C-alpha atoms as a PDB file:
ATOM      1  CA  MET A   1      74.372  23.971  85.237  1.00  0.00           C
ATOM      2  CA  GLY A   2      77.313  25.825  85.608  1.00  0.00           C
ATOM      3  CA  ALA A   3      79.349  27.643  88.397  1.00  0.00           C
ATOM      4  CA  GLU A   4      77.587  28.819  91.337  1.00  0.00           C
ATOM      5  CA  PRO A   5      76.401  32.528  91.155  1.00  0.00           C
ATOM      6  CA  LYS A   6      78.624  35.124  92.572  1.00  0.00           C
ATOM      7  CA  GLU A   7      77.726  37.488  94.989  1.00  0.00           C
ATOM      8  CA  ASP A   8      77.705  41.306  93.566  1.00  0.00           C
ATOM      9  CA  SER A   9      77.772  40.176  90.029  1.00  0.00           C
ATOM     10  CA  ARG A  10      75.433  40.667  87.071  1.00  0.00           C
ATOM     11  CA  MET A  11      74.762  38.944  83.665  1.00  0.00           C
ATOM     12  CA  LEU A  12      73.274  40.163  80.305  1.00  0.00           C
ATOM     13  CA  ALA A  13      72.611  37.406  77.997  1.00  0.00           C
ATOM     14  CA  LEU A  14      71.233  37.049  74.413  1.00  0.00           C
ATOM     15  CA  ALA A  15      69.882  33.449  73.119  1.00  0.00           C
ATOM     16  CA  VAL A  16      69.266  32.902  69.667  1.00  0.00           C
ATOM     17  CA  PRO A  17      67.709  29.794  68.125  1.00  0.00           C
ATOM     18  CA  ILE A  18      69.294  28.750  64.683  1.00  0.00           C
ATOM     19  CA  SER A  19      67.840  25.622  63.463  1.00  0.00           C
ATOM     20  CA  ARG A  20      68.526  22.886  65.809  1.00  0.00           C
ATOM     21  CA  ASN A  21      71.151  25.076  67.637  1.00  0.00           C
ATOM     22  CA  LEU A  22      71.063  27.654  70.444  1.00  0.00           C
ATOM     23  CA  VAL A  23      73.677  30.488  70.252  1.00  0.00           C
ATOM     24  CA  THR A  24      74.313  32.094  73.564  1.00  0.00           C
ATOM     25  CA  ILE A  25      76.010  35.413  74.107  1.00  0.00           C
ATOM     26  CA  LYS A  26      76.644  36.764  77.773  1.00  0.00           C
ATOM     27  CA  MET A  27      78.409  39.453  79.601  1.00  0.00           C
ATOM     28  CA  VAL A  28      79.112  38.851  83.295  1.00  0.00           C
ATOM     29  CA  GLY A  29      80.804  41.255  85.636  1.00  0.00           C
ATOM     30  CA  SER A  30      80.152  43.656  88.573  1.00  0.00           C
ATOM     31  CA  PRO A  31      76.845  45.364  88.473  1.00  0.00           C
ATOM     32  CA  ALA A  32      78.709  48.670  87.795  1.00  0.00           C
ATOM     33  CA  ASP A  33      80.667  47.381  84.992  1.00  0.00           C
ATOM     34  CA  VAL A  34      77.850  45.788  83.225  1.00  0.00           C
ATOM     35  CA  ASP A  35      75.552  48.752  83.655  1.00  0.00           C
ATOM     36  CA  ALA A  36      78.212  50.929  82.126  1.00  0.00           C
ATOM     37  CA  GLU A  37      78.820  48.529  79.133  1.00  0.00           C
ATOM     38  CA  ARG A  38      75.091  47.510  78.634  1.00  0.00           C
ATOM     39  CA  GLN A  39      74.324  49.747  75.497  1.00  0.00           C
ATOM     40  CA  ARG A  40      77.653  48.545  73.878  1.00  0.00           C
ATOM     41  CA  PHE A  41      76.419  45.010  74.373  1.00  0.00           C
ATOM     42  CA  LEU A  42      73.311  45.676  72.984  1.00  0.00           C
ATOM     43  CA  ASP A  43      74.660  47.554  69.850  1.00  0.00           C
ATOM     44  CA  TYR A  44      77.235  44.609  69.489  1.00  0.00           C
ATOM     45  CA  CYS A  45      74.313  41.747  69.618  1.00  0.00           C
ATOM     46  CA  LYS A  46      72.211  43.780  67.122  1.00  0.00           C
ATOM     47  CA  GLY A  47      74.817  43.952  64.655  1.00  0.00           C
ATOM     48  CA  LEU A  48      75.428  40.007  64.702  1.00  0.00           C
ATOM     49  CA  ARG A  49      74.250  38.044  61.592  1.00  0.00           C
ATOM     50  CA  PHE A  50      73.606  34.550  61.775  1.00  0.00           C
ATOM     51  CA  SER A  51      73.661  31.863  59.119  1.00  0.00           C
ATOM     52  CA  ASP A  52      71.505  28.647  59.107  1.00  0.00           C
ATOM     53  CA  VAL A  53      74.002  26.222  59.711  1.00  0.00           C
ATOM     54  CA  ASP A  54      71.826  23.472  58.195  1.00  0.00           C
ATOM     55  CA  VAL A  55      72.535  24.868  54.931  1.00  0.00           C
ATOM     56  CA  ILE A  56      76.391  25.088  55.056  1.00  0.00           C
ATOM     57  CA  GLU A  57      77.803  21.875  53.629  1.00  0.00           C
ATOM     58  CA  SER A  58      80.687  20.374  55.700  1.00  0.00           C
ATOM     59  CA  PRO A  59      83.814  19.435  54.056  1.00  0.00           C
ATOM     60  CA  GLU A  60      82.754  15.504  54.334  1.00  0.00           C
ATOM     61  CA  ALA A  61      79.836  16.305  52.366  1.00  0.00           C
ATOM     62  CA  LYS A  62      81.767  17.539  49.197  1.00  0.00           C
END
């Protein structure tokens, strides 16, 4: 699934199951760049807040 892996690259990822959905957040880059930004990526992910999308009414439901 997706593109072929690139040599000399690294990825950090977060997958969050929310109801029937899966939210993914990824950071991809050179190993040096990903290592340098790792803590900021983790802090960013910790700061995210998700809502249960099944309880949000769509405009069509009103």
